[in-house]
Each structure stands twice: as C-alpha cells, then as structure tokens.
C-alpha cells in the first residue's frame, strides 16, 4: 500500500485520494485510513489485518481481497449480550440476522433474516468476530452481482490472521473507534503501490 498522505490515484468508486490528509496522520477526525502500519483514526494507529490477498483494485466475491476505495460507514452492529451499546446509532444483532452472499439473489450484499434459502453468512456467531461490526457501503445499496459482499470492519480472530476481505482489529481497539466514530465516516483504503 502507499502512504495515504501522498496518494493521487482514484479509488474504486471514482473518489480522488489526493491529499486526503493535510498535515498530520489521521486527517479529518472522522476518517479511518488504512496504511502499511495499521488503521489510522484520530491521529492514532491501530494494528489490523486485511484480506488474505491484500488490497485489490477489482474486488470479486470470494477473492480474499480488501477493496481499494473510499467507503462510507453506513451502520454499526453489536452483540448486546456481550457488550454495551457502543454508539447511539448502533443496532443490536438479532439471533436470526444474516448477510446474503448469493450473487444471483436480489438480496445480494444486504442484511436478511433467517430462515433464508439462498447462500448467506450468519451475523450472530459463536466466536467473537462479529461482536462489533462496522458496515461499509462497498457494493451497497445497489449491489453489482459478484463485486463482493460483507465488507466490514470487525473484531479479529487473532493478530496477523487475514480476513476474507474485511478489516479486522483487536476488540478493545474496535470498541474505542466505534465510540468515537460518526455515522457516515470515511474508510480510506488506498491501492497497493
């Protein structure tokens, strides 16, 4: 990845990266920015993991890549049985909440409820990966079939363990970010150098 303070390329949604960060790292207080050294937010760096195939310019379903671009945070989900509400705009995950990853289904890359006949991922999990989830607008709300689904920021399995394309952080770090993050904040993922 390149330093976001020097990026001039266009993001995957056509947003210009150039001079996203005037001055100090962290840029505008609401920006989250991925760099080689971690995820920057409010001039703090948080260690994180990304997709097993790194940052990709052309995201495809199941490719293990984290999509380059400037994405908006459009929602926050949390497990109310495991943590307190992290922000006023957060919504508790229900036991039947799922995310459709069936590229041929009209609900592709949208939250759905079980029982659901098409391919999906359960958001209520026995592990702690989705105890807290920041939803991005990657390929949402008007999903293009096959362009990738469920690109979130969520809790990591462990340090250094890659994701399927999401950005994963230590649970306490993600909770701190969530408490300070406004709805609509930008998640900036520069393309690889």
N, C-alpha and C. Protein backbone atom coordinates (compact mmCIF):
# COMPACT_ATOMS: atom_id res chain seq x y z
N UNK A 1 0.83 -1.18 0.00
CA UNK A 1 0.00 0.00 0.00
C UNK A 1 0.87 1.24 0.00
N UNK A 2 0.29 2.32 -0.45
CA UNK A 2 1.03 3.57 -0.47
C UNK A 2 0.60 4.44 0.70
N UNK A 3 1.41 5.40 1.00
CA UNK A 3 1.10 6.35 2.07
C UNK A 3 -0.10 7.20 1.64
N UNK A 4 -1.21 7.20 2.42
CA UNK A 4 -2.38 7.96 2.01
C UNK A 4 -2.14 9.46 1.94
N UNK A 5 -1.10 9.95 2.59
CA UNK A 5 -0.84 11.39 2.52
C UNK A 5 -0.28 11.79 1.17
N UNK A 6 0.22 10.79 0.39
CA UNK A 6 0.81 11.08 -0.91
C UNK A 6 0.02 10.49 -2.06
N UNK A 7 -1.12 9.86 -1.77
CA UNK A 7 -1.88 9.17 -2.81
C UNK A 7 -2.53 10.16 -3.76
N UNK A 8 -2.53 9.82 -5.04
CA UNK A 8 -3.21 10.64 -6.04
C UNK A 8 -4.10 9.80 -6.94
N UNK A 9 -4.09 8.48 -6.77
CA UNK A 9 -4.89 7.60 -7.60
C UNK A 9 -6.37 7.78 -7.30
N UNK A 10 -7.20 7.30 -8.23
CA UNK A 10 -8.64 7.29 -7.99
C UNK A 10 -9.01 6.01 -7.26
N UNK A 11 -9.95 6.11 -6.32
CA UNK A 11 -10.46 4.95 -5.62
C UNK A 11 -11.40 4.16 -6.50
N UNK A 12 -11.84 3.02 -5.99
CA UNK A 12 -12.67 2.13 -6.78
C UNK A 12 -14.03 2.74 -7.10
N UNK A 13 -14.45 3.73 -6.36
CA UNK A 13 -15.72 4.39 -6.64
C UNK A 13 -15.51 5.73 -7.33
N UNK A 14 -14.29 5.98 -7.79
CA UNK A 14 -14.00 7.21 -8.51
C UNK A 14 -13.65 8.38 -7.61
N UNK A 15 -13.54 8.17 -6.30
CA UNK A 15 -13.17 9.25 -5.40
C UNK A 15 -11.67 9.49 -5.48
N UNK A 16 -11.25 10.72 -5.47
CA UNK A 16 -9.84 11.04 -5.55
C UNK A 16 -9.22 10.94 -4.15
N UNK A 17 -8.09 10.21 -4.06
CA UNK A 17 -7.39 10.06 -2.81
C UNK A 17 -6.52 11.27 -2.48
N UNK A 18 -6.12 12.02 -3.49
CA UNK A 18 -5.11 13.05 -3.33
C UNK A 18 -5.31 13.95 -2.14
N UNK A 19 -4.30 14.08 -1.37
CA UNK A 19 -4.25 14.96 -0.21
C UNK A 19 -5.45 14.78 0.71
N UNK A 20 -5.78 13.53 0.97
CA UNK A 20 -6.84 13.22 1.91
C UNK A 20 -6.43 13.70 3.30
N UNK A 21 -5.14 13.63 3.57
CA UNK A 21 -4.64 14.00 4.89
C UNK A 21 -3.76 15.23 4.84
N UNK A 22 -4.33 16.43 4.91
CA UNK A 22 -3.46 17.59 5.02
C UNK A 22 -2.83 17.61 6.41
N UNK A 23 -1.54 17.61 6.48
CA UNK A 23 -0.88 17.69 7.76
C UNK A 23 -0.67 16.33 8.39
N UNK A 24 -1.01 16.23 9.67
CA UNK A 24 -0.72 15.04 10.46
C UNK A 24 -1.52 13.82 10.01
N UNK A 25 -0.99 12.63 10.33
CA UNK A 25 -1.70 11.38 10.04
C UNK A 25 -3.04 11.41 10.75
N UNK A 26 -4.02 10.78 10.12
CA UNK A 26 -5.34 10.71 10.72
C UNK A 26 -6.31 11.65 10.06
N UNK A 27 -5.80 12.69 9.37
CA UNK A 27 -6.64 13.58 8.58
C UNK A 27 -7.82 14.13 9.34
N UNK A 28 -8.96 14.22 8.64
CA UNK A 28 -10.17 14.69 9.30
C UNK A 28 -10.51 13.74 10.43
N UNK A 29 -11.02 14.25 11.52
CA UNK A 29 -11.28 13.39 12.68
C UNK A 29 -12.15 12.18 12.38
N UNK A 30 -13.05 12.27 11.42
CA UNK A 30 -13.95 11.15 11.14
C UNK A 30 -13.37 10.13 10.18
N UNK A 31 -12.20 10.36 9.61
CA UNK A 31 -11.61 9.44 8.65
C UNK A 31 -10.93 8.26 9.34
N UNK A 32 -11.16 7.09 8.78
CA UNK A 32 -10.37 5.90 9.09
C UNK A 32 -9.51 5.68 7.86
N UNK A 33 -8.23 5.46 8.02
CA UNK A 33 -7.36 5.30 6.85
C UNK A 33 -6.41 4.14 7.04
N UNK A 34 -6.43 3.23 6.08
CA UNK A 34 -5.55 2.08 6.12
C UNK A 34 -4.18 2.46 5.57
N UNK A 35 -3.15 2.01 6.25
CA UNK A 35 -1.77 2.20 5.77
C UNK A 35 -1.03 0.89 6.01
N UNK A 36 0.22 0.82 5.57
CA UNK A 36 1.03 -0.37 5.81
C UNK A 36 1.20 -0.65 7.29
N UNK A 37 1.15 0.39 8.10
CA UNK A 37 1.40 0.22 9.53
C UNK A 37 0.14 0.02 10.35
N UNK A 38 -1.04 0.03 9.74
CA UNK A 38 -2.26 -0.18 10.50
C UNK A 38 -3.39 0.72 10.03
N UNK A 39 -4.40 0.83 10.85
CA UNK A 39 -5.55 1.67 10.58
C UNK A 39 -5.44 2.93 11.42
N UNK A 40 -5.46 4.09 10.76
CA UNK A 40 -5.33 5.38 11.44
C UNK A 40 -6.71 5.96 11.69
N UNK A 41 -6.90 6.48 12.90
CA UNK A 41 -8.14 7.16 13.28
C UNK A 41 -7.82 8.13 14.41
N UNK A 42 -8.22 9.38 14.23
CA UNK A 42 -7.99 10.44 15.22
C UNK A 42 -6.52 10.50 15.65
N UNK A 43 -5.64 10.44 14.67
CA UNK A 43 -4.20 10.53 14.84
C UNK A 43 -3.61 9.40 15.68
N UNK A 44 -4.34 8.28 15.75
CA UNK A 44 -3.86 7.09 16.44
C UNK A 44 -3.78 5.95 15.43
N UNK A 45 -2.81 5.09 15.63
CA UNK A 45 -2.64 3.93 14.75
C UNK A 45 -3.05 2.67 15.50
N UNK A 46 -3.88 1.87 14.84
CA UNK A 46 -4.35 0.62 15.41
C UNK A 46 -3.89 -0.54 14.53
N UNK A 47 -3.23 -1.54 15.10
CA UNK A 47 -2.86 -2.70 14.30
C UNK A 47 -4.13 -3.36 13.75
N UNK A 48 -4.04 -3.87 12.55
CA UNK A 48 -5.21 -4.50 11.93
C UNK A 48 -4.75 -5.57 10.95
N UNK A 49 -5.71 -6.38 10.51
CA UNK A 49 -5.46 -7.33 9.44
C UNK A 49 -6.44 -7.05 8.32
N UNK A 50 -6.07 -7.47 7.12
CA UNK A 50 -6.93 -7.26 5.95
C UNK A 50 -7.09 -8.60 5.23
N UNK A 51 -7.69 -8.57 4.06
CA UNK A 51 -7.93 -9.78 3.29
C UNK A 51 -6.66 -10.55 2.99
N UNK A 52 -6.80 -11.86 2.88
CA UNK A 52 -5.63 -12.74 2.67
C UNK A 52 -4.88 -12.43 1.38
N UNK A 53 -5.54 -11.77 0.42
CA UNK A 53 -4.87 -11.39 -0.83
C UNK A 53 -4.58 -9.89 -0.91
N UNK A 54 -4.57 -9.23 0.23
CA UNK A 54 -4.21 -7.82 0.28
C UNK A 54 -5.29 -6.91 -0.28
N UNK A 55 -4.89 -5.71 -0.64
CA UNK A 55 -5.80 -4.71 -1.20
C UNK A 55 -5.92 -4.97 -2.70
N UNK A 56 -7.14 -4.98 -3.20
CA UNK A 56 -7.38 -5.24 -4.62
C UNK A 56 -8.14 -4.08 -5.24
N UNK A 57 -7.80 -3.79 -6.49
CA UNK A 57 -8.49 -2.71 -7.22
C UNK A 57 -9.82 -3.20 -7.79
N UNK A 58 -9.88 -4.47 -8.16
CA UNK A 58 -11.10 -5.05 -8.75
C UNK A 58 -11.59 -6.17 -7.85
N UNK A 59 -12.45 -5.83 -6.91
CA UNK A 59 -12.97 -6.81 -5.95
C UNK A 59 -13.95 -7.76 -6.61
N UNK A 60 -13.82 -9.06 -6.29
CA UNK A 60 -14.75 -10.10 -6.75
C UNK A 60 -15.17 -10.94 -5.55
N UNK A 61 -16.36 -11.44 -5.59
CA UNK A 61 -16.86 -12.29 -4.49
C UNK A 61 -15.92 -13.46 -4.26
N UNK A 62 -15.49 -13.64 -3.00
CA UNK A 62 -14.67 -14.77 -2.62
C UNK A 62 -13.20 -14.68 -2.96
N UNK A 63 -12.72 -13.51 -3.44
CA UNK A 63 -11.31 -13.41 -3.85
C UNK A 63 -10.35 -13.17 -2.69
N UNK A 64 -10.86 -12.92 -1.49
CA UNK A 64 -9.99 -12.69 -0.34
C UNK A 64 -9.30 -11.35 -0.35
N UNK A 65 -9.77 -10.42 -1.18
CA UNK A 65 -9.16 -9.10 -1.26
C UNK A 65 -9.96 -8.05 -0.51
N UNK A 66 -9.25 -7.06 0.00
CA UNK A 66 -9.88 -5.89 0.62
C UNK A 66 -9.98 -4.83 -0.47
N UNK A 67 -11.18 -4.34 -0.77
CA UNK A 67 -11.33 -3.42 -1.91
C UNK A 67 -10.74 -2.03 -1.65
N UNK A 68 -9.93 -1.57 -2.59
CA UNK A 68 -9.42 -0.21 -2.53
C UNK A 68 -10.57 0.76 -2.77
N UNK A 69 -10.50 1.93 -2.17
CA UNK A 69 -11.51 2.94 -2.40
C UNK A 69 -11.77 3.77 -1.16
N UNK A 70 -12.67 4.68 -1.30
CA UNK A 70 -13.14 5.48 -0.17
C UNK A 70 -14.56 5.02 0.10
N UNK A 71 -14.73 4.38 1.23
CA UNK A 71 -16.00 3.77 1.60
C UNK A 71 -16.60 4.53 2.78
N UNK A 72 -17.90 4.57 2.85
CA UNK A 72 -18.59 5.20 3.99
C UNK A 72 -19.00 4.14 5.00
N UNK A 73 -18.97 4.52 6.25
CA UNK A 73 -19.51 3.67 7.31
C UNK A 73 -21.01 3.97 7.35
N UNK A 74 -21.82 2.95 7.04
CA UNK A 74 -23.26 3.15 6.90
C UNK A 74 -24.06 2.47 8.01
N UNK A 75 -23.39 1.79 8.91
CA UNK A 75 -24.09 1.15 10.01
C UNK A 75 -23.12 0.53 10.99
N UNK A 76 -23.66 0.21 12.17
CA UNK A 76 -22.87 -0.44 13.21
C UNK A 76 -23.77 -1.47 13.88
N UNK A 77 -23.27 -2.69 14.00
CA UNK A 77 -23.99 -3.78 14.64
C UNK A 77 -23.17 -4.27 15.82
N UNK A 78 -23.84 -4.74 16.86
CA UNK A 78 -23.12 -5.24 18.03
C UNK A 78 -23.94 -6.33 18.72
N UNK A 79 -23.25 -7.17 19.49
CA UNK A 79 -23.89 -8.22 20.26
C UNK A 79 -24.25 -7.65 21.63
N UNK A 80 -25.52 -7.39 21.85
CA UNK A 80 -25.96 -6.77 23.11
C UNK A 80 -25.82 -7.71 24.30
N UNK A 81 -25.69 -9.00 24.06
CA UNK A 81 -25.47 -9.94 25.15
C UNK A 81 -24.00 -10.00 25.57
N UNK A 82 -23.13 -9.37 24.79
CA UNK A 82 -21.70 -9.42 25.08
C UNK A 82 -21.07 -8.07 25.34
N UNK A 83 -21.76 -6.99 25.00
CA UNK A 83 -21.19 -5.66 25.20
C UNK A 83 -22.29 -4.61 25.29
N UNK A 84 -21.96 -3.47 25.86
CA UNK A 84 -22.88 -2.34 25.92
C UNK A 84 -22.95 -1.68 24.54
N UNK A 85 -24.02 -0.98 24.27
CA UNK A 85 -24.18 -0.28 23.00
C UNK A 85 -23.02 0.71 22.84
N UNK A 86 -22.21 0.56 21.77
CA UNK A 86 -21.02 1.40 21.62
C UNK A 86 -21.29 2.81 21.11
N UNK A 87 -22.42 3.02 20.46
CA UNK A 87 -22.76 4.34 19.92
C UNK A 87 -24.28 4.43 19.84
N UNK A 88 -24.83 5.65 19.92
CA UNK A 88 -26.29 5.78 19.87
C UNK A 88 -26.92 5.24 18.59
N UNK A 89 -26.16 5.21 17.51
CA UNK A 89 -26.70 4.77 16.22
C UNK A 89 -26.44 3.29 15.94
N UNK A 90 -25.86 2.57 16.89
CA UNK A 90 -25.60 1.14 16.73
C UNK A 90 -26.89 0.34 16.92
N UNK A 91 -26.99 -0.78 16.21
CA UNK A 91 -28.15 -1.66 16.30
C UNK A 91 -27.70 -3.04 16.76
N UNK A 92 -28.45 -3.60 17.70
CA UNK A 92 -28.12 -4.92 18.22
C UNK A 92 -28.35 -5.98 17.14
N UNK A 93 -27.44 -6.94 17.07
CA UNK A 93 -27.59 -8.09 16.17
C UNK A 93 -28.61 -9.04 16.79
N UNK A 94 -29.56 -9.47 15.97
CA UNK A 94 -30.55 -10.45 16.41
C UNK A 94 -30.05 -11.85 16.04
N UNK A 95 -30.58 -12.84 16.72
CA UNK A 95 -30.14 -14.22 16.50
C UNK A 95 -30.41 -14.70 15.08
N UNK A 96 -31.35 -14.08 14.38
CA UNK A 96 -31.68 -14.51 13.02
C UNK A 96 -31.15 -13.57 11.94
N UNK A 97 -30.29 -12.62 12.30
CA UNK A 97 -29.71 -11.71 11.32
C UNK A 97 -28.64 -12.44 10.50
N UNK A 98 -28.68 -12.23 9.19
CA UNK A 98 -27.74 -12.85 8.26
C UNK A 98 -27.36 -11.81 7.20
N UNK A 99 -26.36 -12.14 6.38
CA UNK A 99 -25.94 -11.30 5.26
C UNK A 99 -25.91 -12.16 4.01
N UNK A 100 -26.66 -11.78 2.98
CA UNK A 100 -26.75 -12.58 1.76
C UNK A 100 -25.48 -12.42 0.92
N UNK A 101 -24.86 -13.58 0.56
CA UNK A 101 -23.68 -13.56 -0.30
C UNK A 101 -23.92 -14.36 -1.59
N UNK A 102 -25.18 -14.59 -1.91
CA UNK A 102 -25.56 -15.29 -3.13
C UNK A 102 -25.61 -14.28 -4.28
N UNK A 103 -24.64 -14.37 -5.19
CA UNK A 103 -24.51 -13.36 -6.26
C UNK A 103 -25.72 -13.32 -7.19
N UNK A 104 -26.52 -14.37 -7.23
CA UNK A 104 -27.68 -14.40 -8.10
C UNK A 104 -28.99 -14.03 -7.42
N UNK A 105 -28.92 -13.69 -6.14
CA UNK A 105 -30.15 -13.38 -5.39
C UNK A 105 -30.39 -11.87 -5.35
N UNK A 106 -31.64 -11.43 -5.42
CA UNK A 106 -31.93 -9.98 -5.34
C UNK A 106 -31.46 -9.32 -4.05
N UNK A 107 -31.31 -10.09 -2.97
CA UNK A 107 -30.86 -9.53 -1.69
C UNK A 107 -29.34 -9.58 -1.53
N UNK A 108 -28.61 -9.88 -2.62
CA UNK A 108 -27.14 -9.97 -2.56
C UNK A 108 -26.56 -8.72 -1.89
N UNK A 109 -25.64 -8.95 -0.96
CA UNK A 109 -24.94 -7.93 -0.19
C UNK A 109 -25.89 -7.06 0.63
N UNK A 110 -26.92 -7.67 1.17
CA UNK A 110 -27.85 -6.99 2.08
C UNK A 110 -28.12 -7.88 3.29
N UNK A 111 -28.49 -7.25 4.39
CA UNK A 111 -28.87 -7.98 5.58
C UNK A 111 -30.22 -8.64 5.31
N UNK A 112 -30.33 -9.89 5.74
CA UNK A 112 -31.56 -10.67 5.61
C UNK A 112 -31.79 -11.38 6.94
N UNK A 113 -32.93 -12.03 7.06
CA UNK A 113 -33.25 -12.75 8.30
C UNK A 113 -33.49 -14.22 8.01
N UNK A 114 -33.02 -15.04 8.91
CA UNK A 114 -33.23 -16.49 8.81
C UNK A 114 -34.68 -16.81 9.22
N UNK A 115 -35.26 -17.83 8.64
CA UNK A 115 -34.66 -18.71 7.66
C UNK A 115 -34.56 -18.03 6.30
N UNK A 116 -33.47 -18.28 5.61
CA UNK A 116 -33.22 -17.67 4.31
C UNK A 116 -32.64 -18.74 3.40
N UNK A 117 -33.29 -19.00 2.29
CA UNK A 117 -32.93 -20.13 1.43
C UNK A 117 -31.66 -19.98 0.63
N UNK A 118 -31.29 -18.75 0.29
CA UNK A 118 -30.08 -18.53 -0.52
C UNK A 118 -28.84 -18.52 0.37
N UNK A 119 -27.65 -18.56 -0.25
CA UNK A 119 -26.38 -18.54 0.48
C UNK A 119 -26.29 -17.27 1.31
N UNK A 120 -25.83 -17.42 2.55
CA UNK A 120 -25.74 -16.29 3.47
C UNK A 120 -24.72 -16.59 4.57
N UNK A 121 -24.38 -15.56 5.28
CA UNK A 121 -23.49 -15.65 6.43
C UNK A 121 -24.27 -15.20 7.66
N UNK A 122 -24.21 -15.98 8.71
CA UNK A 122 -24.90 -15.59 9.96
C UNK A 122 -24.10 -14.50 10.66
N UNK A 123 -24.79 -13.47 11.13
CA UNK A 123 -24.13 -12.40 11.86
C UNK A 123 -24.04 -12.72 13.35
N UNK A 124 -24.98 -13.52 13.87
CA UNK A 124 -24.93 -13.99 15.26
C UNK A 124 -24.05 -15.22 15.28
N UNK A 125 -22.82 -15.08 15.78
CA UNK A 125 -21.83 -16.14 15.70
C UNK A 125 -21.42 -16.61 17.10
N UNK A 126 -20.95 -17.86 17.17
CA UNK A 126 -20.47 -18.38 18.45
C UNK A 126 -19.09 -17.80 18.79
N UNK A 127 -18.28 -17.50 17.76
CA UNK A 127 -16.99 -16.84 18.03
C UNK A 127 -17.27 -15.34 18.23
N UNK A 128 -16.24 -14.57 18.40
CA UNK A 128 -16.43 -13.14 18.72
C UNK A 128 -16.13 -12.20 17.54
N UNK A 129 -15.96 -12.76 16.34
CA UNK A 129 -15.60 -11.93 15.18
C UNK A 129 -16.60 -10.81 14.93
N UNK A 130 -17.89 -11.11 15.09
CA UNK A 130 -18.92 -10.11 14.80
C UNK A 130 -19.58 -9.56 16.08
N UNK A 131 -18.86 -9.55 17.19
CA UNK A 131 -19.40 -8.91 18.39
C UNK A 131 -19.64 -7.43 18.13
N UNK A 132 -18.81 -6.85 17.27
CA UNK A 132 -18.95 -5.44 16.87
C UNK A 132 -18.57 -5.36 15.39
N UNK A 133 -19.46 -4.77 14.59
CA UNK A 133 -19.27 -4.72 13.14
C UNK A 133 -19.57 -3.32 12.64
N UNK A 134 -18.65 -2.76 11.86
CA UNK A 134 -18.90 -1.51 11.14
C UNK A 134 -19.23 -1.88 9.71
N UNK A 135 -20.41 -1.50 9.25
CA UNK A 135 -20.85 -1.82 7.88
C UNK A 135 -20.36 -0.74 6.94
N UNK A 136 -19.85 -1.13 5.78
CA UNK A 136 -19.40 -0.15 4.78
C UNK A 136 -20.37 -0.14 3.60
N UNK A 137 -20.23 0.87 2.78
CA UNK A 137 -21.08 0.97 1.59
C UNK A 137 -20.46 0.30 0.37
N UNK A 138 -19.45 -0.60 0.59
CA UNK A 138 -18.88 -1.30 -0.55
C UNK A 138 -19.97 -2.11 -1.23
N UNK A 139 -20.20 -1.83 -2.52
CA UNK A 139 -21.18 -2.54 -3.35
C UNK A 139 -22.57 -2.56 -2.70
N UNK A 140 -22.92 -1.48 -2.06
CA UNK A 140 -24.18 -1.35 -1.33
C UNK A 140 -24.67 0.09 -1.45
N UNK A 141 -25.92 0.42 -1.56
CA UNK A 141 -27.07 -0.47 -1.51
C UNK A 141 -27.41 -1.11 -2.86
N UNK A 142 -26.90 -0.57 -3.95
CA UNK A 142 -27.18 -1.14 -5.28
C UNK A 142 -26.07 -2.11 -5.64
N UNK A 143 -26.22 -3.33 -5.19
CA UNK A 143 -25.16 -4.33 -5.35
C UNK A 143 -25.04 -4.82 -6.78
N UNK A 144 -23.80 -4.84 -7.27
CA UNK A 144 -23.48 -5.43 -8.57
C UNK A 144 -23.12 -6.89 -8.31
N UNK A 145 -23.85 -7.84 -8.91
CA UNK A 145 -23.58 -9.26 -8.65
C UNK A 145 -22.11 -9.62 -8.86
N UNK A 146 -21.53 -10.27 -7.86
CA UNK A 146 -20.16 -10.76 -7.95
C UNK A 146 -19.09 -9.76 -7.56
N UNK A 147 -19.47 -8.52 -7.24
CA UNK A 147 -18.47 -7.49 -6.94
C UNK A 147 -18.05 -7.48 -5.47
N UNK A 148 -18.46 -8.46 -4.71
CA UNK A 148 -18.05 -8.56 -3.32
C UNK A 148 -19.14 -8.15 -2.36
N UNK A 149 -19.20 -8.88 -1.25
CA UNK A 149 -20.23 -8.62 -0.25
C UNK A 149 -19.63 -8.66 1.15
N UNK A 150 -20.36 -8.11 2.08
CA UNK A 150 -20.00 -8.16 3.51
C UNK A 150 -18.60 -7.61 3.78
N UNK A 151 -18.29 -6.45 3.24
CA UNK A 151 -17.01 -5.80 3.53
C UNK A 151 -17.22 -4.94 4.78
N UNK A 152 -16.73 -5.45 5.89
CA UNK A 152 -16.94 -4.85 7.20
C UNK A 152 -15.60 -4.52 7.86
N UNK A 153 -15.68 -3.77 8.95
CA UNK A 153 -14.60 -3.72 9.94
C UNK A 153 -15.15 -4.50 11.13
N UNK A 154 -14.40 -5.47 11.61
CA UNK A 154 -14.90 -6.31 12.70
C UNK A 154 -13.73 -6.76 13.59
N UNK A 155 -14.03 -7.51 14.63
CA UNK A 155 -13.01 -7.99 15.55
C UNK A 155 -12.15 -9.06 14.87
N UNK A 156 -10.86 -9.05 15.19
CA UNK A 156 -10.00 -10.04 14.57
C UNK A 156 -10.04 -11.37 15.32
N UNK A 157 -9.69 -12.42 14.58
CA UNK A 157 -9.58 -13.76 15.17
C UNK A 157 -8.36 -13.79 16.09
N UNK A 158 -7.26 -13.25 15.59
CA UNK A 158 -6.02 -13.08 16.35
C UNK A 158 -5.11 -12.19 15.50
N UNK A 159 -4.09 -11.63 16.10
CA UNK A 159 -3.16 -10.76 15.39
C UNK A 159 -2.55 -11.52 14.22
N UNK A 160 -2.52 -10.89 13.06
CA UNK A 160 -1.88 -11.47 11.89
C UNK A 160 -2.73 -12.44 11.09
N UNK A 161 -3.90 -12.78 11.57
CA UNK A 161 -4.77 -13.73 10.86
C UNK A 161 -5.60 -12.96 9.83
N UNK A 162 -5.39 -13.24 8.53
CA UNK A 162 -6.10 -12.47 7.50
C UNK A 162 -7.60 -12.75 7.48
N UNK A 163 -8.32 -11.88 6.81
CA UNK A 163 -9.77 -11.98 6.67
C UNK A 163 -10.12 -12.43 5.26
N UNK A 164 -11.40 -12.50 4.98
CA UNK A 164 -11.88 -12.80 3.63
C UNK A 164 -11.96 -11.54 2.77
N UNK A 165 -11.63 -10.39 3.34
CA UNK A 165 -11.68 -9.11 2.62
C UNK A 165 -11.99 -7.93 3.52
N UNK A 166 -12.40 -8.22 4.73
CA UNK A 166 -12.72 -7.17 5.70
C UNK A 166 -11.44 -6.61 6.32
N UNK A 167 -11.62 -5.59 7.15
CA UNK A 167 -10.54 -5.09 8.00
C UNK A 167 -10.88 -5.54 9.41
N UNK A 168 -9.94 -6.19 10.09
CA UNK A 168 -10.19 -6.71 11.43
C UNK A 168 -9.22 -6.09 12.43
N UNK A 169 -9.75 -5.81 13.61
CA UNK A 169 -8.98 -5.14 14.66
C UNK A 169 -9.16 -5.86 15.99
N UNK A 170 -8.25 -5.55 16.92
CA UNK A 170 -8.40 -6.04 18.28
C UNK A 170 -9.74 -5.55 18.83
N UNK A 171 -10.47 -6.36 19.57
CA UNK A 171 -11.79 -5.94 20.04
C UNK A 171 -11.81 -4.63 20.83
N UNK A 172 -10.83 -4.44 21.72
CA UNK A 172 -10.82 -3.19 22.50
C UNK A 172 -10.53 -1.98 21.62
N UNK A 173 -9.71 -2.14 20.59
CA UNK A 173 -9.44 -1.04 19.67
C UNK A 173 -10.68 -0.71 18.84
N UNK A 174 -11.35 -1.74 18.33
CA UNK A 174 -12.56 -1.51 17.54
C UNK A 174 -13.62 -0.84 18.39
N UNK A 175 -13.75 -1.24 19.63
CA UNK A 175 -14.73 -0.62 20.54
C UNK A 175 -14.40 0.85 20.74
N UNK A 176 -13.12 1.18 20.95
CA UNK A 176 -12.74 2.58 21.12
C UNK A 176 -13.09 3.38 19.87
N UNK A 177 -12.76 2.85 18.71
CA UNK A 177 -13.08 3.54 17.45
C UNK A 177 -14.59 3.74 17.34
N UNK A 178 -15.36 2.69 17.60
CA UNK A 178 -16.82 2.76 17.47
C UNK A 178 -17.41 3.84 18.37
N UNK A 179 -16.87 4.02 19.55
CA UNK A 179 -17.39 5.02 20.49
C UNK A 179 -17.13 6.45 20.01
N UNK A 180 -16.17 6.61 19.13
CA UNK A 180 -15.80 7.95 18.65
C UNK A 180 -16.16 8.21 17.19
N UNK A 181 -16.73 7.23 16.54
CA UNK A 181 -16.96 7.27 15.09
C UNK A 181 -18.36 7.77 14.76
N UNK A 182 -18.47 8.80 13.91
CA UNK A 182 -19.81 9.22 13.49
C UNK A 182 -20.31 8.39 12.31
N UNK A 183 -21.60 8.23 12.23
CA UNK A 183 -22.21 7.58 11.07
C UNK A 183 -21.83 8.37 9.83
N UNK A 184 -21.44 7.69 8.75
CA UNK A 184 -21.05 8.36 7.51
C UNK A 184 -19.57 8.64 7.42
N UNK A 185 -18.79 8.28 8.44
CA UNK A 185 -17.34 8.47 8.39
C UNK A 185 -16.77 7.74 7.17
N UNK A 186 -15.60 8.18 6.71
CA UNK A 186 -14.96 7.56 5.55
C UNK A 186 -13.94 6.52 6.00
N UNK A 187 -13.93 5.40 5.30
CA UNK A 187 -12.90 4.38 5.45
C UNK A 187 -12.08 4.44 4.16
N UNK A 188 -10.85 4.88 4.27
CA UNK A 188 -9.99 5.11 3.10
C UNK A 188 -9.02 3.94 2.97
N UNK A 189 -9.13 3.23 1.86
CA UNK A 189 -8.27 2.08 1.58
C UNK A 189 -7.51 2.38 0.30
N UNK A 190 -6.28 2.90 0.39
CA UNK A 190 -5.50 3.22 -0.80
C UNK A 190 -5.10 1.95 -1.56
N UNK A 191 -4.94 2.05 -2.86
CA UNK A 191 -4.49 0.89 -3.64
C UNK A 191 -3.04 0.55 -3.28
N UNK A 192 -2.63 -0.66 -3.60
CA UNK A 192 -1.24 -1.06 -3.33
C UNK A 192 -0.31 -0.27 -4.24
N UNK A 193 0.90 -0.06 -3.76
CA UNK A 193 1.90 0.67 -4.55
C UNK A 193 2.37 -0.14 -5.73
